[in-house]
Amino acid sequence: KLLFCESPSNPLAEITDIRAVANIARQAGAV
């Protein structure tokens, strides 16, 4: 039901592809 990320992350500056993960969430009906 929920996907959660911090981007960029603290402290290692890991980047999540927000557009791609948003699409995954949308297809699953998750937030």
mmCIF file of all heavy atoms, coordinates in Angstrom:
data_MODEL
# 
_entry.id   MODEL 
# 
loop_
_atom_site.group_PDB 
_atom_site.id 
_atom_site.type_symbol 
_atom_site.label_atom_id 
_atom_site.label_alt_id 
_atom_site.label_comp_id 
_atom_site.label_asym_id 
_atom_site.label_entity_id 
_atom_site.label_seq_id 
_atom_site.pdbx_PDB_ins_code 
_atom_site.Cartn_x 
_atom_site.Cartn_y 
_atom_site.Cartn_z 
_atom_site.occupancy 
_atom_site.B_iso_or_equiv 
_atom_site.pdbx_formal_charge 
_atom_site.auth_seq_id 
_atom_site.auth_comp_id 
_atom_site.auth_asym_id 
_atom_site.auth_atom_id 
_atom_site.pdbx_PDB_model_num 
ATOM 1   N N   . LYS A 1 1  ? 0.797  -1.223 0.000   1.00 0.00 ? 1  LYS A N   1 
ATOM 2   C CA  . LYS A 1 1  ? 0.000  0.000  0.000   1.00 0.00 ? 1  LYS A CA  1 
ATOM 3   C C   . LYS A 1 1  ? 0.835  1.282  0.000   1.00 0.00 ? 1  LYS A C   1 
ATOM 4   O O   . LYS A 1 1  ? 0.309  2.356  -0.320  1.00 0.00 ? 1  LYS A O   1 
ATOM 5   C CB  . LYS A 1 1  ? -0.923 0.025  1.223   1.00 0.00 ? 1  LYS A CB  1 
ATOM 6   C CG  . LYS A 1 1  ? -1.871 -1.166 1.317   1.00 0.00 ? 1  LYS A CG  1 
ATOM 7   C CD  . LYS A 1 1  ? -2.793 -1.256 0.115   1.00 0.00 ? 1  LYS A CD  1 
ATOM 8   C CE  . LYS A 1 1  ? -3.745 -2.439 0.250   1.00 0.00 ? 1  LYS A CE  1 
ATOM 9   N NZ  . LYS A 1 1  ? -4.599 -2.594 -0.954  1.00 0.00 ? 1  LYS A NZ  1 
ATOM 10  N N   . LEU A 1 2  ? 2.115  1.176  0.380   1.00 0.00 ? 2  LEU A N   1 
ATOM 11  C CA  . LEU A 1 2  ? 2.939  2.386  0.488   1.00 0.00 ? 2  LEU A CA  1 
ATOM 12  C C   . LEU A 1 2  ? 4.363  2.080  0.048   1.00 0.00 ? 2  LEU A C   1 
ATOM 13  O O   . LEU A 1 2  ? 4.939  1.070  0.440   1.00 0.00 ? 2  LEU A O   1 
ATOM 14  C CB  . LEU A 1 2  ? 2.944  2.901  1.935   1.00 0.00 ? 2  LEU A CB  1 
ATOM 15  C CG  . LEU A 1 2  ? 3.807  4.138  2.222   1.00 0.00 ? 2  LEU A CG  1 
ATOM 16  C CD1 . LEU A 1 2  ? 3.258  5.361  1.503   1.00 0.00 ? 2  LEU A CD1 1 
ATOM 17  C CD2 . LEU A 1 2  ? 3.886  4.402  3.730   1.00 0.00 ? 2  LEU A CD2 1 
ATOM 18  N N   . LEU A 1 3  ? 4.936  2.970  -0.780  1.00 0.00 ? 3  LEU A N   1 
ATOM 19  C CA  . LEU A 1 3  ? 6.351  2.937  -1.148  1.00 0.00 ? 3  LEU A CA  1 
ATOM 20  C C   . LEU A 1 3  ? 6.975  4.203  -0.594  1.00 0.00 ? 3  LEU A C   1 
ATOM 21  O O   . LEU A 1 3  ? 6.378  5.301  -0.685  1.00 0.00 ? 3  LEU A O   1 
ATOM 22  C CB  . LEU A 1 3  ? 6.532  2.875  -2.662  1.00 0.00 ? 3  LEU A CB  1 
ATOM 23  C CG  . LEU A 1 3  ? 6.217  1.540  -3.356  1.00 0.00 ? 3  LEU A CG  1 
ATOM 24  C CD1 . LEU A 1 3  ? 4.719  1.278  -3.396  1.00 0.00 ? 3  LEU A CD1 1 
ATOM 25  C CD2 . LEU A 1 3  ? 6.767  1.529  -4.783  1.00 0.00 ? 3  LEU A CD2 1 
ATOM 26  N N   . PHE A 1 4  ? 8.175  4.093  -0.012  1.00 0.00 ? 4  PHE A N   1 
ATOM 27  C CA  . PHE A 1 4  ? 8.794  5.229  0.669   1.00 0.00 ? 4  PHE A CA  1 
ATOM 28  C C   . PHE A 1 4  ? 10.267 5.305  0.327   1.00 0.00 ? 4  PHE A C   1 
ATOM 29  O O   . PHE A 1 4  ? 10.974 4.297  0.338   1.00 0.00 ? 4  PHE A O   1 
ATOM 30  C CB  . PHE A 1 4  ? 8.622  5.092  2.191   1.00 0.00 ? 4  PHE A CB  1 
ATOM 31  C CG  . PHE A 1 4  ? 9.214  6.226  2.975   1.00 0.00 ? 4  PHE A CG  1 
ATOM 32  C CD1 . PHE A 1 4  ? 8.507  7.402  3.155   1.00 0.00 ? 4  PHE A CD1 1 
ATOM 33  C CD2 . PHE A 1 4  ? 10.480 6.126  3.522   1.00 0.00 ? 4  PHE A CD2 1 
ATOM 34  C CE1 . PHE A 1 4  ? 9.058  8.458  3.868   1.00 0.00 ? 4  PHE A CE1 1 
ATOM 35  C CE2 . PHE A 1 4  ? 11.042 7.171  4.240   1.00 0.00 ? 4  PHE A CE2 1 
ATOM 36  C CZ  . PHE A 1 4  ? 10.318 8.343  4.417   1.00 0.00 ? 4  PHE A CZ  1 
ATOM 37  N N   . CYS A 1 5  ? 10.734 6.505  0.025   1.00 0.00 ? 5  CYS A N   1 
ATOM 38  C CA  . CYS A 1 5  ? 12.169 6.698  -0.214  1.00 0.00 ? 5  CYS A CA  1 
ATOM 39  C C   . CYS A 1 5  ? 12.583 8.092  0.214   1.00 0.00 ? 5  CYS A C   1 
ATOM 40  O O   . CYS A 1 5  ? 11.750 8.986  0.414   1.00 0.00 ? 5  CYS A O   1 
ATOM 41  C CB  . CYS A 1 5  ? 12.521 6.470  -1.691  1.00 0.00 ? 5  CYS A CB  1 
ATOM 42  S SG  . CYS A 1 5  ? 12.174 7.878  -2.767  1.00 0.00 ? 5  CYS A SG  1 
ATOM 43  N N   . GLU A 1 6  ? 13.890 8.258  0.362   1.00 0.00 ? 6  GLU A N   1 
ATOM 44  C CA  . GLU A 1 6  ? 14.510 9.556  0.592   1.00 0.00 ? 6  GLU A CA  1 
ATOM 45  C C   . GLU A 1 6  ? 15.490 9.749  -0.558  1.00 0.00 ? 6  GLU A C   1 
ATOM 46  O O   . GLU A 1 6  ? 16.398 8.941  -0.739  1.00 0.00 ? 6  GLU A O   1 
ATOM 47  C CB  . GLU A 1 6  ? 15.241 9.550  1.934   1.00 0.00 ? 6  GLU A CB  1 
ATOM 48  C CG  . GLU A 1 6  ? 15.987 10.818 2.266   1.00 0.00 ? 6  GLU A CG  1 
ATOM 49  C CD  . GLU A 1 6  ? 16.745 10.684 3.576   1.00 0.00 ? 6  GLU A CD  1 
ATOM 50  O OE1 . GLU A 1 6  ? 16.098 10.463 4.615   1.00 0.00 ? 6  GLU A OE1 1 
ATOM 51  O OE2 . GLU A 1 6  ? 17.987 10.772 3.556   1.00 0.00 ? 6  GLU A OE2 1 
ATOM 52  N N   . SER A 1 7  ? 15.283 10.778 -1.364  1.00 0.00 ? 7  SER A N   1 
ATOM 53  C CA  . SER A 1 7  ? 16.135 10.955 -2.542  1.00 0.00 ? 7  SER A CA  1 
ATOM 54  C C   . SER A 1 7  ? 16.414 12.442 -2.774  1.00 0.00 ? 7  SER A C   1 
ATOM 55  O O   . SER A 1 7  ? 15.464 13.218 -2.963  1.00 0.00 ? 7  SER A O   1 
ATOM 56  C CB  . SER A 1 7  ? 15.459 10.360 -3.780  1.00 0.00 ? 7  SER A CB  1 
ATOM 57  O OG  . SER A 1 7  ? 16.285 10.449 -4.914  1.00 0.00 ? 7  SER A OG  1 
ATOM 58  N N   . PRO A 1 8  ? 17.700 12.838 -2.731  1.00 0.00 ? 8  PRO A N   1 
ATOM 59  C CA  . PRO A 1 8  ? 18.864 12.009 -2.411  1.00 0.00 ? 8  PRO A CA  1 
ATOM 60  C C   . PRO A 1 8  ? 18.849 11.604 -0.945  1.00 0.00 ? 8  PRO A C   1 
ATOM 61  O O   . PRO A 1 8  ? 18.248 12.266 -0.104  1.00 0.00 ? 8  PRO A O   1 
ATOM 62  C CB  . PRO A 1 8  ? 20.047 12.926 -2.727  1.00 0.00 ? 8  PRO A CB  1 
ATOM 63  C CG  . PRO A 1 8  ? 19.496 14.305 -2.597  1.00 0.00 ? 8  PRO A CG  1 
ATOM 64  C CD  . PRO A 1 8  ? 18.080 14.235 -3.024  1.00 0.00 ? 8  PRO A CD  1 
ATOM 65  N N   . SER A 1 9  ? 19.532 10.506 -0.668  1.00 0.00 ? 9  SER A N   1 
ATOM 66  C CA  . SER A 1 9  ? 19.518 9.974  0.695   1.00 0.00 ? 9  SER A CA  1 
ATOM 67  C C   . SER A 1 9  ? 20.576 10.643 1.556   1.00 0.00 ? 9  SER A C   1 
ATOM 68  O O   . SER A 1 9  ? 21.567 11.175 1.069   1.00 0.00 ? 9  SER A O   1 
ATOM 69  C CB  . SER A 1 9  ? 19.755 8.464  0.665   1.00 0.00 ? 9  SER A CB  1 
ATOM 70  O OG  . SER A 1 9  ? 21.087 8.172  0.274   1.00 0.00 ? 9  SER A OG  1 
ATOM 71  N N   . ASN A 1 10 ? 20.331 10.583 2.846   1.00 0.00 ? 10 ASN A N   1 
ATOM 72  C CA  . ASN A 1 10 ? 21.263 11.098 3.848   1.00 0.00 ? 10 ASN A CA  1 
ATOM 73  C C   . ASN A 1 10 ? 21.930 9.909  4.530   1.00 0.00 ? 10 ASN A C   1 
ATOM 74  O O   . ASN A 1 10 ? 21.234 9.070  5.108   1.00 0.00 ? 10 ASN A O   1 
ATOM 75  C CB  . ASN A 1 10 ? 20.464 11.928 4.865   1.00 0.00 ? 10 ASN A CB  1 
ATOM 76  C CG  . ASN A 1 10 ? 21.233 12.241 6.136   1.00 0.00 ? 10 ASN A CG  1 
ATOM 77  O OD1 . ASN A 1 10 ? 22.446 12.305 6.150   1.00 0.00 ? 10 ASN A OD1 1 
ATOM 78  N ND2 . ASN A 1 10 ? 20.495 12.422 7.222   1.00 0.00 ? 10 ASN A ND2 1 
ATOM 79  N N   . PRO A 1 11 ? 23.250 9.753  4.443   1.00 0.00 ? 11 PRO A N   1 
ATOM 80  C CA  . PRO A 1 11 ? 24.223 10.723 3.946   1.00 0.00 ? 11 PRO A CA  1 
ATOM 81  C C   . PRO A 1 11 ? 24.884 10.353 2.610   1.00 0.00 ? 11 PRO A C   1 
ATOM 82  O O   . PRO A 1 11 ? 25.780 11.063 2.165   1.00 0.00 ? 11 PRO A O   1 
ATOM 83  C CB  . PRO A 1 11 ? 25.279 10.679 5.056   1.00 0.00 ? 11 PRO A CB  1 
ATOM 84  C CG  . PRO A 1 11 ? 25.300 9.220  5.437   1.00 0.00 ? 11 PRO A CG  1 
ATOM 85  C CD  . PRO A 1 11 ? 23.878 8.723  5.294   1.00 0.00 ? 11 PRO A CD  1 
ATOM 86  N N   . LEU A 1 12 ? 24.482 9.262  1.967   1.00 0.00 ? 12 LEU A N   1 
ATOM 87  C CA  . LEU A 1 12 ? 25.249 8.725  0.835   1.00 0.00 ? 12 LEU A CA  1 
ATOM 88  C C   . LEU A 1 12 ? 24.786 9.230  -0.523  1.00 0.00 ? 12 LEU A C   1 
ATOM 89  O O   . LEU A 1 12 ? 25.304 8.786  -1.552  1.00 0.00 ? 12 LEU A O   1 
ATOM 90  C CB  . LEU A 1 12 ? 25.200 7.191  0.857   1.00 0.00 ? 12 LEU A CB  1 
ATOM 91  C CG  . LEU A 1 12 ? 25.849 6.534  2.077   1.00 0.00 ? 12 LEU A CG  1 
ATOM 92  C CD1 . LEU A 1 12 ? 25.701 5.017  2.019   1.00 0.00 ? 12 LEU A CD1 1 
ATOM 93  C CD2 . LEU A 1 12 ? 27.327 6.919  2.163   1.00 0.00 ? 12 LEU A CD2 1 
ATOM 94  N N   . ALA A 1 13 ? 23.821 10.138 -0.562  1.00 0.00 ? 13 ALA A N   1 
ATOM 95  C CA  . ALA A 1 13 ? 23.371 10.734 -1.823  1.00 0.00 ? 13 ALA A CA  1 
ATOM 96  C C   . ALA A 1 13 ? 22.921 9.680  -2.828  1.00 0.00 ? 13 ALA A C   1 
ATOM 97  O O   . ALA A 1 13 ? 23.177 9.797  -4.023  1.00 0.00 ? 13 ALA A O   1 
ATOM 98  C CB  . ALA A 1 13 ? 24.464 11.609 -2.428  1.00 0.00 ? 13 ALA A CB  1 
ATOM 99  N N   . GLU A 1 14 ? 22.226 8.650  -2.347  1.00 0.00 ? 14 GLU A N   1 
ATOM 100 C CA  . GLU A 1 14 ? 21.649 7.664  -3.254  1.00 0.00 ? 14 GLU A CA  1 
ATOM 101 C C   . GLU A 1 14 ? 20.415 8.271  -3.904  1.00 0.00 ? 14 GLU A C   1 
ATOM 102 O O   . GLU A 1 14 ? 19.602 8.903  -3.238  1.00 0.00 ? 14 GLU A O   1 
ATOM 103 C CB  . GLU A 1 14 ? 21.265 6.407  -2.483  1.00 0.00 ? 14 GLU A CB  1 
ATOM 104 C CG  . GLU A 1 14 ? 20.624 5.314  -3.317  1.00 0.00 ? 14 GLU A CG  1 
ATOM 105 C CD  . GLU A 1 14 ? 20.213 4.131  -2.457  1.00 0.00 ? 14 GLU A CD  1 
ATOM 106 O OE1 . GLU A 1 14 ? 21.048 3.249  -2.222  1.00 0.00 ? 14 GLU A OE1 1 
ATOM 107 O OE2 . GLU A 1 14 ? 19.047 4.117  -2.003  1.00 0.00 ? 14 GLU A OE2 1 
ATOM 108 N N   . ILE A 1 15 ? 20.272 8.071  -5.207  1.00 0.00 ? 15 ILE A N   1 
ATOM 109 C CA  . ILE A 1 15 ? 19.176 8.664  -5.958  1.00 0.00 ? 15 ILE A CA  1 
ATOM 110 C C   . ILE A 1 15 ? 18.186 7.581  -6.373  1.00 0.00 ? 15 ILE A C   1 
ATOM 111 O O   . ILE A 1 15 ? 18.577 6.574  -6.965  1.00 0.00 ? 15 ILE A O   1 
ATOM 112 C CB  . ILE A 1 15 ? 19.683 9.397  -7.213  1.00 0.00 ? 15 ILE A CB  1 
ATOM 113 C CG1 . ILE A 1 15 ? 20.760 10.422 -6.840  1.00 0.00 ? 15 ILE A CG1 1 
ATOM 114 C CG2 . ILE A 1 15 ? 18.521 10.057 -7.949  1.00 0.00 ? 15 ILE A CG2 1 
ATOM 115 C CD1 . ILE A 1 15 ? 20.292 11.543 -5.945  1.00 0.00 ? 15 ILE A CD1 1 
ATOM 116 N N   . THR A 1 16 ? 16.931 7.801  -6.071  1.00 0.00 ? 16 THR A N   1 
ATOM 117 C CA  . THR A 1 16 ? 15.853 6.937  -6.549  1.00 0.00 ? 16 THR A CA  1 
ATOM 118 C C   . THR A 1 16 ? 15.245 7.555  -7.799  1.00 0.00 ? 16 THR A C   1 
ATOM 119 O O   . THR A 1 16 ? 15.018 8.774  -7.848  1.00 0.00 ? 16 THR A O   1 
ATOM 120 C CB  . THR A 1 16 ? 14.761 6.777  -5.471  1.00 0.00 ? 16 THR A CB  1 
ATOM 121 O OG1 . THR A 1 16 ? 15.321 6.105  -4.332  1.00 0.00 ? 16 THR A OG1 1 
ATOM 122 C CG2 . THR A 1 16 ? 13.586 5.969  -5.990  1.00 0.00 ? 16 THR A CG2 1 
ATOM 123 N N   . ASP A 1 17 ? 14.987 6.734  -8.793  1.00 0.00 ? 17 ASP A N   1 
ATOM 124 C CA  . ASP A 1 17 ? 14.325 7.210  -10.007 1.00 0.00 ? 17 ASP A CA  1 
ATOM 125 C C   . ASP A 1 17 ? 12.854 7.432  -9.659  1.00 0.00 ? 17 ASP A C   1 
ATOM 126 O O   . ASP A 1 17 ? 12.034 6.503  -9.678  1.00 0.00 ? 17 ASP A O   1 
ATOM 127 C CB  . ASP A 1 17 ? 14.474 6.184  -11.132 1.00 0.00 ? 17 ASP A CB  1 
ATOM 128 C CG  . ASP A 1 17 ? 13.978 6.701  -12.472 1.00 0.00 ? 17 ASP A CG  1 
ATOM 129 O OD1 . ASP A 1 17 ? 13.083 7.575  -12.479 1.00 0.00 ? 17 ASP A OD1 1 
ATOM 130 O OD2 . ASP A 1 17 ? 14.461 6.224  -13.517 1.00 0.00 ? 17 ASP A OD2 1 
ATOM 131 N N   . ILE A 1 18 ? 12.509 8.652  -9.321  1.00 0.00 ? 18 ILE A N   1 
ATOM 132 C CA  . ILE A 1 18 ? 11.170 8.949  -8.805  1.00 0.00 ? 18 ILE A CA  1 
ATOM 133 C C   . ILE A 1 18 ? 10.106 8.654  -9.845  1.00 0.00 ? 18 ILE A C   1 
ATOM 134 O O   . ILE A 1 18 ? 9.048  8.096  -9.524  1.00 0.00 ? 18 ILE A O   1 
ATOM 135 C CB  . ILE A 1 18 ? 11.104 10.412 -8.321  1.00 0.00 ? 18 ILE A CB  1 
ATOM 136 C CG1 . ILE A 1 18 ? 12.067 10.602 -7.129  1.00 0.00 ? 18 ILE A CG1 1 
ATOM 137 C CG2 . ILE A 1 18 ? 9.681  10.793 -7.925  1.00 0.00 ? 18 ILE A CG2 1 
ATOM 138 C CD1 . ILE A 1 18 ? 12.178 12.033 -6.654  1.00 0.00 ? 18 ILE A CD1 1 
ATOM 139 N N   . ARG A 1 19 ? 10.352 9.005  -11.083 1.00 0.00 ? 19 ARG A N   1 
ATOM 140 C CA  . ARG A 1 19 ? 9.356  8.748  -12.127 1.00 0.00 ? 19 ARG A CA  1 
ATOM 141 C C   . ARG A 1 19 ? 9.081  7.250  -12.269 1.00 0.00 ? 19 ARG A C   1 
ATOM 142 O O   . ARG A 1 19 ? 7.916  6.822  -12.365 1.00 0.00 ? 19 ARG A O   1 
ATOM 143 C CB  . ARG A 1 19 ? 9.847  9.299  -13.464 1.00 0.00 ? 19 ARG A CB  1 
ATOM 144 C CG  . ARG A 1 19 ? 9.958  10.827 -13.541 1.00 0.00 ? 19 ARG A CG  1 
ATOM 145 C CD  . ARG A 1 19 ? 10.419 11.257 -14.917 1.00 0.00 ? 19 ARG A CD  1 
ATOM 146 N NE  . ARG A 1 19 ? 10.598 12.697 -15.030 1.00 0.00 ? 19 ARG A NE  1 
ATOM 147 C CZ  . ARG A 1 19 ? 11.732 13.330 -14.729 1.00 0.00 ? 19 ARG A CZ  1 
ATOM 148 N NH1 . ARG A 1 19 ? 12.779 12.641 -14.280 1.00 0.00 ? 19 ARG A NH1 1 
ATOM 149 N NH2 . ARG A 1 19 ? 11.829 14.646 -14.883 1.00 0.00 ? 19 ARG A NH2 1 
ATOM 150 N N   . ALA A 1 20 ? 10.139 6.442  -12.275 1.00 0.00 ? 20 ALA A N   1 
ATOM 151 C CA  . ALA A 1 20 ? 9.980  4.992  -12.461 1.00 0.00 ? 20 ALA A CA  1 
ATOM 152 C C   . ALA A 1 20 ? 9.260  4.355  -11.286 1.00 0.00 ? 20 ALA A C   1 
ATOM 153 O O   . ALA A 1 20 ? 8.349  3.523  -11.460 1.00 0.00 ? 20 ALA A O   1 
ATOM 154 C CB  . ALA A 1 20 ? 11.340 4.342  -12.666 1.00 0.00 ? 20 ALA A CB  1 
ATOM 155 N N   . VAL A 1 21 ? 9.643  4.719  -10.062 1.00 0.00 ? 21 VAL A N   1 
ATOM 156 C CA  . VAL A 1 21 ? 8.997  4.136  -8.878  1.00 0.00 ? 21 VAL A CA  1 
ATOM 157 C C   . VAL A 1 21 ? 7.562  4.627  -8.751  1.00 0.00 ? 21 VAL A C   1 
ATOM 158 O O   . VAL A 1 21 ? 6.673  3.873  -8.335  1.00 0.00 ? 21 VAL A O   1 
ATOM 159 C CB  . VAL A 1 21 ? 9.823  4.438  -7.612  1.00 0.00 ? 21 VAL A CB  1 
ATOM 160 C CG1 . VAL A 1 21 ? 9.126  3.907  -6.371  1.00 0.00 ? 21 VAL A CG1 1 
ATOM 161 C CG2 . VAL A 1 21 ? 11.225 3.838  -7.733  1.00 0.00 ? 21 VAL A CG2 1 
ATOM 162 N N   . ALA A 1 22 ? 7.307  5.865  -9.143  1.00 0.00 ? 22 ALA A N   1 
ATOM 163 C CA  . ALA A 1 22 ? 5.930  6.376  -9.133  1.00 0.00 ? 22 ALA A CA  1 
ATOM 164 C C   . ALA A 1 22 ? 5.052  5.554  -10.070 1.00 0.00 ? 22 ALA A C   1 
ATOM 165 O O   . ALA A 1 22 ? 3.886  5.274  -9.756  1.00 0.00 ? 22 ALA A O   1 
ATOM 166 C CB  . ALA A 1 22 ? 5.910  7.849  -9.538  1.00 0.00 ? 22 ALA A CB  1 
ATOM 167 N N   . ASN A 1 23 ? 5.604  5.155  -11.193 1.00 0.00 ? 23 ASN A N   1 
ATOM 168 C CA  . ASN A 1 23 ? 4.849  4.337  -12.149 1.00 0.00 ? 23 ASN A CA  1 
ATOM 169 C C   . ASN A 1 23 ? 4.536  2.956  -11.567 1.00 0.00 ? 23 ASN A C   1 
ATOM 170 O O   . ASN A 1 23 ? 3.439  2.424  -11.732 1.00 0.00 ? 23 ASN A O   1 
ATOM 171 C CB  . ASN A 1 23 ? 5.633  4.194  -13.450 1.00 0.00 ? 23 ASN A CB  1 
ATOM 172 C CG  . ASN A 1 23 ? 4.827  3.513  -14.539 1.00 0.00 ? 23 ASN A CG  1 
ATOM 173 O OD1 . ASN A 1 23 ? 3.710  3.903  -14.845 1.00 0.00 ? 23 ASN A OD1 1 
ATOM 174 N ND2 . ASN A 1 23 ? 5.396  2.461  -15.119 1.00 0.00 ? 23 ASN A ND2 1 
ATOM 175 N N   . ILE A 1 24 ? 5.519  2.375  -10.849 1.00 0.00 ? 24 ILE A N   1 
ATOM 176 C CA  . ILE A 1 24 ? 5.308  1.082  -10.193 1.00 0.00 ? 24 ILE A CA  1 
ATOM 177 C C   . ILE A 1 24 ? 4.190  1.188  -9.164  1.00 0.00 ? 24 ILE A C   1 
ATOM 178 O O   . ILE A 1 24 ? 3.301  0.336  -9.089  1.00 0.00 ? 24 ILE A O   1 
ATOM 179 C CB  . ILE A 1 24 ? 6.614  0.598  -9.535  1.00 0.00 ? 24 ILE A CB  1 
ATOM 180 C CG1 . ILE A 1 24 ? 7.664  0.272  -10.604 1.00 0.00 ? 24 ILE A CG1 1 
ATOM 181 C CG2 . ILE A 1 24 ? 6.368  -0.610 -8.635  1.00 0.00 ? 24 ILE A CG2 1 
ATOM 182 C CD1 . ILE A 1 24 ? 9.050  0.013  -10.042 1.00 0.00 ? 24 ILE A CD1 1 
ATOM 183 N N   . ALA A 1 25 ? 4.231  2.243  -8.376  1.00 0.00 ? 25 ALA A N   1 
ATOM 184 C CA  . ALA A 1 25 ? 3.201  2.444  -7.355  1.00 0.00 ? 25 ALA A CA  1 
ATOM 185 C C   . ALA A 1 25 ? 1.830  2.640  -7.994  1.00 0.00 ? 25 ALA A C   1 
ATOM 186 O O   . ALA A 1 25 ? 0.825  2.070  -7.544  1.00 0.00 ? 25 ALA A O   1 
ATOM 187 C CB  . ALA A 1 25 ? 3.561  3.651  -6.491  1.00 0.00 ? 25 ALA A CB  1 
ATOM 188 N N   . ARG A 1 26 ? 1.786  3.421  -9.043  1.00 0.00 ? 26 ARG A N   1 
ATOM 189 C CA  . ARG A 1 26 ? 0.512  3.715  -9.700  1.00 0.00 ? 26 ARG A CA  1 
ATOM 190 C C   . ARG A 1 26 ? -0.128 2.446  -10.258 1.00 0.00 ? 26 ARG A C   1 
ATOM 191 O O   . ARG A 1 26 ? -1.330 2.230  -10.122 1.00 0.00 ? 26 ARG A O   1 
ATOM 192 C CB  . ARG A 1 26 ? 0.747  4.737  -10.811 1.00 0.00 ? 26 ARG A CB  1 
ATOM 193 C CG  . ARG A 1 26 ? -0.529 5.335  -11.400 1.00 0.00 ? 26 ARG A CG  1 
ATOM 194 C CD  . ARG A 1 26 ? -0.210 6.395  -12.437 1.00 0.00 ? 26 ARG A CD  1 
ATOM 195 N NE  . ARG A 1 26 ? 0.681  7.413  -11.909 1.00 0.00 ? 26 ARG A NE  1 
ATOM 196 C CZ  . ARG A 1 26 ? 1.949  7.576  -12.292 1.00 0.00 ? 26 ARG A CZ  1 
ATOM 197 N NH1 . ARG A 1 26 ? 2.480  6.775  -13.208 1.00 0.00 ? 26 ARG A NH1 1 
ATOM 198 N NH2 . ARG A 1 26 ? 2.691  8.518  -11.777 1.00 0.00 ? 26 ARG A NH2 1 
ATOM 199 N N   . GLN A 1 27 ? 0.682  1.610  -10.879 1.00 0.00 ? 27 GLN A N   1 
ATOM 200 C CA  . GLN A 1 27 ? 0.160  0.370  -11.449 1.00 0.00 ? 27 GLN A CA  1 
ATOM 201 C C   . GLN A 1 27 ? -0.397 -0.564 -10.376 1.00 0.00 ? 27 GLN A C   1 
ATOM 202 O O   . GLN A 1 27 ? -1.316 -1.343 -10.637 1.00 0.00 ? 27 GLN A O   1 
ATOM 203 C CB  . GLN A 1 27 ? 1.255  -0.338 -12.246 1.00 0.00 ? 27 GLN A CB  1 
ATOM 204 C CG  . GLN A 1 27 ? 1.655  0.385  -13.530 1.00 0.00 ? 27 GLN A CG  1 
ATOM 205 C CD  . GLN A 1 27 ? 2.789  -0.310 -14.259 1.00 0.00 ? 27 GLN A CD  1 
ATOM 206 O OE1 . GLN A 1 27 ? 3.423  -1.223 -13.729 1.00 0.00 ? 27 GLN A OE1 1 
ATOM 207 N NE2 . GLN A 1 27 ? 3.058  0.127  -15.490 1.00 0.00 ? 27 GLN A NE2 1 
ATOM 208 N N   . ALA A 1 28 ? 0.158  -0.479 -9.166  1.00 0.00 ? 28 ALA A N   1 
ATOM 209 C CA  . ALA A 1 28 ? -0.284 -1.342 -8.068  1.00 0.00 ? 28 ALA A CA  1 
ATOM 210 C C   . ALA A 1 28 ? -1.373 -0.707 -7.216  1.00 0.00 ? 28 ALA A C   1 
ATOM 211 O O   . ALA A 1 28 ? -1.870 -1.332 -6.275  1.00 0.00 ? 28 ALA A O   1 
ATOM 212 C CB  . ALA A 1 28 ? 0.909  -1.706 -7.190  1.00 0.00 ? 28 ALA A CB  1 
ATOM 213 N N   . GLY A 1 29 ? -1.715 0.533  -7.509  1.00 0.00 ? 29 GLY A N   1 
ATOM 214 C CA  . GLY A 1 29 ? -2.698 1.225  -6.687  1.00 0.00 ? 29 GLY A CA  1 
ATOM 215 C C   . GLY A 1 29 ? -2.165 1.597  -5.318  1.00 0.00 ? 29 GLY A C   1 
ATOM 216 O O   . GLY A 1 29 ? -2.927 1.760  -4.366  1.00 0.00 ? 29 GLY A O   1 
ATOM 217 N N   . ALA A 1 30 ? -0.835 1.734  -5.215  1.00 0.00 ? 30 ALA A N   1 
ATOM 218 C CA  . ALA A 1 30 ? -0.200 2.084  -3.944  1.00 0.00 ? 30 ALA A CA  1 
ATOM 219 C C   . ALA A 1 30 ? 0.172  3.562  -3.929  1.00 0.00 ? 30 ALA A C   1 
ATOM 220 O O   . ALA A 1 30 ? 0.186  4.237  -4.958  1.00 0.00 ? 30 ALA A O   1 
ATOM 221 C CB  . ALA A 1 30 ? 1.042  1.222  -3.722  1.00 0.00 ? 30 ALA A CB  1 
ATOM 222 N N   . VAL A 1 31 ? 0.491  4.076  -2.755  1.00 0.00 ? 31 VAL A N   1 
ATOM 223 C CA  . VAL A 1 31 ? 0.900  5.468  -2.566  1.00 0.00 ? 31 VAL A CA  1 
ATOM 224 C C   . VAL A 1 31 ? 2.425  5.528  -2.515  1.00 0.00 ? 31 VAL A C   1 
ATOM 225 O O   . VAL A 1 31 ? 3.070  4.703  -1.856  1.00 0.00 ? 31 VAL A O   1 
ATOM 226 C CB  . VAL A 1 31 ? 0.304  6.036  -1.257  1.00 0.00 ? 31 VAL A CB  1 
ATOM 227 C CG1 . VAL A 1 31 ? 0.848  7.425  -0.967  1.00 0.00 ? 31 VAL A CG1 1 
ATOM 228 C CG2 . VAL A 1 31 ? -1.218 6.058  -1.342  1.00 0.00 ? 31 VAL A CG2 1 
# 
